[in-house]
Amino acid sequence: MKNIVTSRKLLFAAMALALVWAGAARADDQMDAATKARIDAFEKGPASIDISKYPSALKDNYDLFSQKCTQCHKLSRPINSDYALPSEWSRYVKRMMRKPGSGISSSEAKQIYEFLAYDSSVRKKAAVDAKLAAATPEDRAADEAKIKEVHDKYDGK
């Protein structure tokens, strides 16, 4: 009897996993051509970041980012994306943590967000500056405050 219960549990787990994979494939199929092309361009770029000069705590966040984000897509996708502002990264990370199977907890999402916000302010500074210049005064102030908050947290360590 125990073997039958175990077999059924394994069968249901396999079916659930198949549904998750099928859902991911359908999501890719539902993307318009422009979105697919944009993502393809991101994924063709570098798949890692030189973090040798980053604060040590952020290096740990990068390791977490690398481990969690490659469960669902290539690391080159977020690294080369056109997201640069903290508000953009906040939305992106929240969306990713809600994906089935991401396994990203709230505390891990915060670490990943902080890494991405810090990294963008350093590595994508020109994009950050251009987006801040085009933002409303309220949005600019909010994103600048978040950038300062992340730098204050990590640069002092």
Protein backbone atom coordinates (compact mmCIF):
# COMPACT_ATOMS: atom_id res chain seq x y z
CA MET A 1 0.00 0.00 0.00
CA LYS A 2 2.85 2.37 0.89
CA ASN A 3 4.43 1.82 -2.57
CA ILE A 4 1.13 2.71 -4.27
CA VAL A 5 0.88 5.97 -2.30
CA THR A 6 4.51 6.82 -3.04
CA SER A 7 4.01 6.01 -6.74
CA ARG A 8 0.93 8.23 -6.90
CA LYS A 9 2.78 11.10 -5.21
CA LEU A 10 5.62 10.76 -7.71
CA LEU A 11 3.15 10.67 -10.59
CA PHE A 12 1.38 13.81 -9.37
CA ALA A 13 4.72 15.58 -8.85
CA ALA A 14 5.81 14.66 -12.39
CA MET A 15 2.50 15.90 -13.78
CA ALA A 16 2.81 19.18 -11.88
CA LEU A 17 6.35 19.68 -13.18
CA ALA A 18 5.20 18.97 -16.74
CA LEU A 19 2.48 21.60 -16.36
CA VAL A 20 5.01 24.17 -15.14
CA TRP A 21 7.28 23.46 -18.12
CA ALA A 22 4.33 23.60 -20.51
CA GLY A 23 3.24 26.92 -18.98
CA ALA A 24 6.71 28.37 -19.46
CA ALA A 25 6.74 27.24 -23.08
CA ARG A 26 3.30 28.77 -23.67
CA ALA A 27 4.47 32.05 -22.12
CA ASP A 28 7.37 32.16 -24.59
CA ASP A 29 5.00 31.32 -27.45
CA GLN A 30 2.70 34.20 -26.47
CA MET A 31 5.45 36.81 -26.72
CA ASP A 32 5.23 39.16 -29.65
CA ALA A 33 8.11 39.21 -32.14
CA ALA A 34 9.56 42.48 -30.82
CA THR A 35 9.72 41.14 -27.24
CA LYS A 36 11.32 37.89 -28.41
CA ALA A 37 13.92 39.83 -30.40
CA ARG A 38 14.64 42.10 -27.42
CA ILE A 39 15.16 39.10 -25.11
CA ASP A 40 17.29 37.30 -27.70
CA ALA A 41 19.55 40.38 -27.91
CA PHE A 42 19.94 40.43 -24.11
CA GLU A 43 20.79 36.74 -24.02
CA LYS A 44 23.53 37.11 -26.66
CA GLY A 45 25.49 39.49 -24.42
CA PRO A 46 27.95 38.68 -21.63
CA ALA A 47 26.77 36.07 -19.13
CA SER A 48 28.73 37.35 -16.14
CA ILE A 49 29.81 40.56 -14.44
CA ASP A 50 33.24 41.46 -13.10
CA ILE A 51 32.38 42.09 -9.46
CA SER A 52 35.97 42.04 -8.19
CA LYS A 53 35.75 45.68 -7.04
CA TYR A 54 32.26 45.39 -5.53
CA PRO A 55 31.76 45.30 -1.75
CA SER A 56 32.03 41.76 -0.35
CA ALA A 57 28.39 41.61 0.80
CA LEU A 58 27.31 42.42 -2.76
CA LYS A 59 29.49 39.59 -4.04
CA ASP A 60 27.35 37.25 -1.93
CA ASN A 61 24.23 38.84 -3.44
CA TYR A 62 25.69 38.27 -6.92
CA ASP A 63 26.21 34.60 -6.12
CA LEU A 64 22.58 34.34 -5.00
CA PHE A 65 21.41 36.24 -8.11
CA SER A 66 23.45 33.90 -10.33
CA GLN A 67 22.13 30.77 -8.65
CA LYS A 68 18.44 31.72 -8.48
CA CYS A 69 18.03 33.47 -11.80
CA THR A 70 19.64 30.73 -13.90
CA GLN A 71 16.96 28.30 -12.77
CA CYS A 72 14.58 29.85 -15.31
CA HIS A 73 16.65 31.74 -17.91
CA LYS A 74 20.16 32.64 -18.95
CA LEU A 75 21.95 35.03 -16.60
CA SER A 76 22.79 37.18 -19.61
CA ARG A 77 19.10 38.19 -19.83
CA PRO A 78 19.03 40.41 -16.71
CA ILE A 79 22.70 41.37 -17.00
CA ASN A 80 22.22 42.86 -20.47
CA SER A 81 18.63 44.03 -20.12
CA ASP A 82 17.71 47.66 -20.51
CA TYR A 83 16.44 47.78 -16.93
CA ALA A 84 18.59 50.20 -14.98
CA LEU A 85 16.51 52.06 -12.38
CA PRO A 86 15.74 50.60 -8.96
CA SER A 87 12.00 50.87 -9.68
CA GLU A 88 12.46 48.73 -12.81
CA TRP A 89 14.49 46.13 -10.92
CA SER A 90 11.94 46.06 -8.11
CA ARG A 91 9.13 45.19 -10.54
CA TYR A 92 11.32 42.66 -12.38
CA VAL A 93 12.44 40.81 -9.24
CA LYS A 94 8.90 40.72 -7.83
CA ARG A 95 7.65 39.29 -11.12
CA MET A 96 10.39 36.65 -11.15
CA MET A 97 9.81 35.58 -7.55
CA ARG A 98 6.14 34.89 -8.40
CA LYS A 99 7.10 32.52 -11.23
CA PRO A 100 6.39 28.86 -10.44
CA GLY A 101 9.52 27.09 -9.30
CA SER A 102 11.64 30.22 -8.83
CA GLY A 103 12.17 29.43 -5.15
CA ILE A 104 13.04 33.07 -4.48
CA SER A 105 12.06 34.07 -0.94
CA SER A 106 11.31 37.65 0.10
CA SER A 107 14.71 38.05 1.76
CA GLU A 108 16.47 36.59 -1.31
CA ALA A 109 14.47 38.90 -3.58
CA LYS A 110 15.69 41.87 -1.54
CA GLN A 111 19.32 40.74 -1.89
CA ILE A 112 18.93 40.21 -5.63
CA TYR A 113 17.21 43.61 -6.02
CA GLU A 114 19.97 45.35 -4.05
CA PHE A 115 22.63 43.73 -6.21
CA LEU A 116 20.88 44.73 -9.43
CA ALA A 117 20.21 48.29 -8.26
CA TYR A 118 23.83 48.73 -7.15
CA ASP A 119 25.26 47.09 -10.27
CA SER A 120 23.16 49.24 -12.60
CA SER A 121 24.23 52.41 -10.83
CA VAL A 122 27.85 51.44 -11.50
CA ARG A 123 27.90 49.41 -14.71
CA LYS A 124 24.91 51.04 -16.44
CA LYS A 125 25.48 54.57 -15.14
CA ALA A 126 24.82 56.24 -18.51
CA ALA A 127 21.48 54.43 -18.84
CA VAL A 128 20.56 55.32 -15.24
CA ASP A 129 21.40 58.97 -15.85
CA ALA A 130 19.40 59.08 -19.10
CA LYS A 131 16.37 57.44 -17.51
CA LEU A 132 16.54 59.71 -14.47
CA ALA A 133 16.71 62.77 -16.74
CA ALA A 134 13.53 61.62 -18.51
CA ALA A 135 11.65 60.69 -15.32
CA THR A 136 9.10 62.82 -13.54
CA PRO A 137 10.55 64.76 -10.60
CA GLU A 138 8.78 62.42 -8.15
CA ASP A 139 10.02 59.23 -9.85
CA ARG A 140 13.53 60.68 -10.20
CA ALA A 141 13.65 61.53 -6.50
CA ALA A 142 12.39 58.08 -5.52
CA ASP A 143 14.93 56.24 -7.70
CA GLU A 144 17.79 58.50 -6.61
CA ALA A 145 16.88 57.84 -2.96
CA LYS A 146 16.90 54.08 -3.57
CA ILE A 147 20.29 54.24 -5.29
CA LYS A 148 21.68 56.25 -2.38
CA GLU A 149 20.18 53.81 0.12
CA VAL A 150 21.83 50.81 -1.56
CA HIS A 151 25.20 52.56 -1.83
CA ASP A 152 25.02 53.72 1.78
CA LYS A 153 24.32 50.15 2.87
CA TYR A 154 27.13 48.49 0.93
CA ASP A 155 29.87 51.04 0.27
CA GLY A 156 30.58 51.49 3.96
CA LYS A 157 31.34 47.78 4.45
